[in-house]
Amino acid sequence: MDGGTPGQRLDAAQLGAELGERATLVQFSTAFCQPCRATRRTLSEVAAMVDGVAHIEIDAEAHLTLVRQLDITRTPTVLVLDGAGNVVRRASGQPRTADVVAALGRAI
């Protein structure tokens, strides 16, 4: 997973769901994105394994203002937020489980 969006902070109102107590995995997807399905499974599994971590999936087409604000240019794009909602990591494409766990290590 590559770098984050420094200084960017997101909250439950922007994301439409509650943040995780320790960290949040935010996934931007589109309806016909094949890698988005596999990414959903990976992030859900990791969130289930780590206490206090939430997975929020956002339909990019239905949230264009947020997509533009965060400069999301492809799906899937995953943002890793710390407990306060600060973006600490960002990646495009289908992540590997090990990369997600490593990125969470930086957030927690």
C-alpha atoms as a PDB file:
ATOM      1  CA  MET A   1       0.000   0.000   0.000  1.00  0.00           C
ATOM      2  CA  ASP A   2       1.393   3.373  -0.947  1.00  0.00           C
ATOM      3  CA  GLY A   3       1.326   6.677   0.927  1.00  0.00           C
ATOM      4  CA  GLY A   4      -1.728   8.410   2.314  1.00  0.00           C
ATOM      5  CA  THR A   5      -3.382  11.731   1.790  1.00  0.00           C
ATOM      6  CA  PRO A   6      -1.469  13.703   4.442  1.00  0.00           C
ATOM      7  CA  GLY A   7      -3.616  15.777   6.737  1.00  0.00           C
ATOM      8  CA  GLN A   8      -6.857  14.363   5.333  1.00  0.00           C
ATOM      9  CA  ARG A   9      -9.392  13.465   8.007  1.00  0.00           C
ATOM     10  CA  LEU A  10     -12.729  11.757   7.452  1.00  0.00           C
ATOM     11  CA  ASP A  11     -15.673  11.294   9.784  1.00  0.00           C
ATOM     12  CA  ALA A  12     -18.776   9.118  10.013  1.00  0.00           C
ATOM     13  CA  ALA A  13     -20.967  11.806   8.418  1.00  0.00           C
ATOM     14  CA  GLN A  14     -18.784  11.919   5.295  1.00  0.00           C
ATOM     15  CA  LEU A  15     -18.512   8.135   5.047  1.00  0.00           C
ATOM     16  CA  GLY A  16     -22.104   7.293   5.942  1.00  0.00           C
ATOM     17  CA  ALA A  17     -21.033   4.750   8.577  1.00  0.00           C
ATOM     18  CA  GLU A  18     -19.378   4.664  11.976  1.00  0.00           C
ATOM     19  CA  LEU A  19     -15.592   4.533  12.099  1.00  0.00           C
ATOM     20  CA  GLY A  20     -13.803   1.657  13.782  1.00  0.00           C
ATOM     21  CA  GLU A  21     -12.614   2.231  17.327  1.00  0.00           C
ATOM     22  CA  ARG A  22      -8.966   1.563  16.403  1.00  0.00           C
ATOM     23  CA  ALA A  23      -8.914   1.856  12.595  1.00  0.00           C
ATOM     24  CA  THR A  24     -11.149   1.901   9.522  1.00  0.00           C
ATOM     25  CA  LEU A  25     -10.651   0.372   6.076  1.00  0.00           C
ATOM     26  CA  VAL A  26     -12.483   2.553   3.539  1.00  0.00           C
ATOM     27  CA  GLN A  27     -13.005   0.963   0.127  1.00  0.00           C
ATOM     28  CA  PHE A  28     -14.169   2.929  -2.912  1.00  0.00           C
ATOM     29  CA  SER A  29     -15.853   0.620  -5.420  1.00  0.00           C
ATOM     30  CA  THR A  30     -18.023   0.642  -8.518  1.00  0.00           C
ATOM     31  CA  ALA A  31     -20.758  -1.793  -9.477  1.00  0.00           C
ATOM     32  CA  PHE A  32     -18.936  -3.539 -12.342  1.00  0.00           C
ATOM     33  CA  CYS A  33     -15.443  -3.631 -10.807  1.00  0.00           C
ATOM     34  CA  GLN A  34     -14.240  -7.259 -10.592  1.00  0.00           C
ATOM     35  CA  PRO A  35     -11.248  -6.537  -8.299  1.00  0.00           C
ATOM     36  CA  CYS A  36     -13.624  -4.663  -5.971  1.00  0.00           C
ATOM     37  CA  ARG A  37     -15.371  -7.936  -5.070  1.00  0.00           C
ATOM     38  CA  ALA A  38     -12.138  -9.641  -4.073  1.00  0.00           C
ATOM     39  CA  THR A  39     -11.042  -6.495  -2.214  1.00  0.00           C
ATOM     40  CA  ARG A  40     -14.350  -6.503  -0.293  1.00  0.00           C
ATOM     41  CA  ARG A  41     -13.695 -10.090   0.826  1.00  0.00           C
ATOM     42  CA  THR A  42     -10.096  -9.339   1.854  1.00  0.00           C
ATOM     43  CA  LEU A  43     -10.959  -6.204   3.829  1.00  0.00           C
ATOM     44  CA  SER A  44     -13.964  -7.840   5.512  1.00  0.00           C
ATOM     45  CA  GLU A  45     -11.814 -10.788   6.591  1.00  0.00           C
ATOM     46  CA  VAL A  46      -9.093  -8.529   8.004  1.00  0.00           C
ATOM     47  CA  ALA A  47     -11.654  -6.346   9.820  1.00  0.00           C
ATOM     48  CA  ALA A  48     -13.178  -9.484  11.348  1.00  0.00           C
ATOM     49  CA  MET A  49      -9.739 -10.670  12.536  1.00  0.00           C
ATOM     50  CA  VAL A  50      -8.647  -7.414  14.205  1.00  0.00           C
ATOM     51  CA  ASP A  51     -10.646  -5.997  17.129  1.00  0.00           C
ATOM     52  CA  GLY A  52     -11.784  -2.407  16.727  1.00  0.00           C
ATOM     53  CA  VAL A  53     -11.355  -2.312  12.938  1.00  0.00           C
ATOM     54  CA  ALA A  54     -14.282  -1.467  10.646  1.00  0.00           C
ATOM     55  CA  HIS A  55     -14.651  -1.930   6.884  1.00  0.00           C
ATOM     56  CA  ILE A  56     -16.716   0.650   5.018  1.00  0.00           C
ATOM     57  CA  GLU A  57     -17.427   0.244   1.314  1.00  0.00           C
ATOM     58  CA  ILE A  58     -18.433   3.350  -0.627  1.00  0.00           C
ATOM     59  CA  ASP A  59     -20.049   3.363  -4.059  1.00  0.00           C
ATOM     60  CA  ALA A  60     -17.818   5.823  -5.913  1.00  0.00           C
ATOM     61  CA  GLU A  61     -20.501   6.668  -8.477  1.00  0.00           C
ATOM     62  CA  ALA A  62     -22.985   7.643  -5.742  1.00  0.00           C
ATOM     63  CA  HIS A  63     -20.459   9.789  -3.815  1.00  0.00           C
ATOM     64  CA  LEU A  64     -18.793  11.885  -6.516  1.00  0.00           C
ATOM     65  CA  THR A  65     -18.160  14.877  -4.251  1.00  0.00           C
ATOM     66  CA  LEU A  66     -16.163  12.733  -1.822  1.00  0.00           C
ATOM     67  CA  VAL A  67     -14.385  10.968  -4.705  1.00  0.00           C
ATOM     68  CA  ARG A  68     -13.263  14.326  -6.108  1.00  0.00           C
ATOM     69  CA  GLN A  69     -12.289  15.629  -2.671  1.00  0.00           C
ATOM     70  CA  LEU A  70     -10.052  12.607  -2.092  1.00  0.00           C
ATOM     71  CA  ASP A  71      -8.793  12.446  -5.706  1.00  0.00           C
ATOM     72  CA  ILE A  72      -9.988   8.851  -6.190  1.00  0.00           C
ATOM     73  CA  THR A  73      -9.160   8.024  -9.820  1.00  0.00           C
ATOM     74  CA  ARG A  74      -9.751   4.261  -9.961  1.00  0.00           C
ATOM     75  CA  THR A  75     -11.490   1.455  -8.141  1.00  0.00           C
ATOM     76  CA  PRO A  76     -10.828  -0.216  -5.916  1.00  0.00           C
ATOM     77  CA  THR A  77      -9.049   2.432  -3.875  1.00  0.00           C
ATOM     78  CA  VAL A  78      -8.530   1.684  -0.192  1.00  0.00           C
ATOM     79  CA  LEU A  79      -7.869   4.250   2.526  1.00  0.00           C
ATOM     80  CA  VAL A  80      -6.650   3.161   5.954  1.00  0.00           C
ATOM     81  CA  LEU A  81      -7.784   5.523   8.704  1.00  0.00           C
ATOM     82  CA  ASP A  82      -6.525   5.625  12.260  1.00  0.00           C
ATOM     83  CA  GLY A  83      -8.921   5.742  15.201  1.00  0.00           C
ATOM     84  CA  ALA A  84      -9.398   9.511  14.796  1.00  0.00           C
ATOM     85  CA  GLY A  85     -10.252   9.236  11.079  1.00  0.00           C
ATOM     86  CA  ASN A  86      -6.896  10.446   9.739  1.00  0.00           C
ATOM     87  CA  VAL A  87      -5.782   8.843   6.465  1.00  0.00           C
ATOM     88  CA  VAL A  88      -2.531   7.001   7.182  1.00  0.00           C
ATOM     89  CA  ARG A  89      -2.275   4.814   4.049  1.00  0.00           C
ATOM     90  CA  ARG A  90      -3.798   4.754   0.585  1.00  0.00           C
ATOM     91  CA  ALA A  91      -3.654   2.202  -2.227  1.00  0.00           C
ATOM     92  CA  SER A  92      -5.278   1.575  -5.586  1.00  0.00           C
ATOM     93  CA  GLY A  93      -5.918  -1.884  -6.973  1.00  0.00           C
ATOM     94  CA  GLN A  94      -6.617  -5.162  -5.247  1.00  0.00           C
ATOM     95  CA  PRO A  95      -4.573  -5.412  -2.030  1.00  0.00           C
ATOM     96  CA  ARG A  96      -3.045  -8.552  -0.576  1.00  0.00           C
ATOM     97  CA  THR A  97      -4.091  -9.542   2.942  1.00  0.00           C
ATOM     98  CA  ALA A  98      -0.501  -9.157   4.212  1.00  0.00           C
ATOM     99  CA  ASP A  99      -0.342  -5.578   2.859  1.00  0.00           C
ATOM    100  CA  VAL A 100      -3.629  -4.660   4.552  1.00  0.00           C
ATOM    101  CA  VAL A 101      -2.443  -6.092   7.886  1.00  0.00           C
ATOM    102  CA  ALA A 102       0.861  -4.198   7.565  1.00  0.00           C
ATOM    103  CA  ALA A 103      -0.962  -0.939   6.768  1.00  0.00           C
ATOM    104  CA  LEU A 104      -3.220  -1.466   9.793  1.00  0.00           C
ATOM    105  CA  GLY A 105      -0.110  -1.816  11.917  1.00  0.00           C
ATOM    106  CA  ARG A 106       0.730   1.796  11.052  1.00  0.00           C
ATOM    107  CA  ALA A 107      -2.787   2.979  11.903  1.00  0.00           C
ATOM    108  CA  ILE A 108      -3.200   1.265  15.260  1.00  0.00           C
END
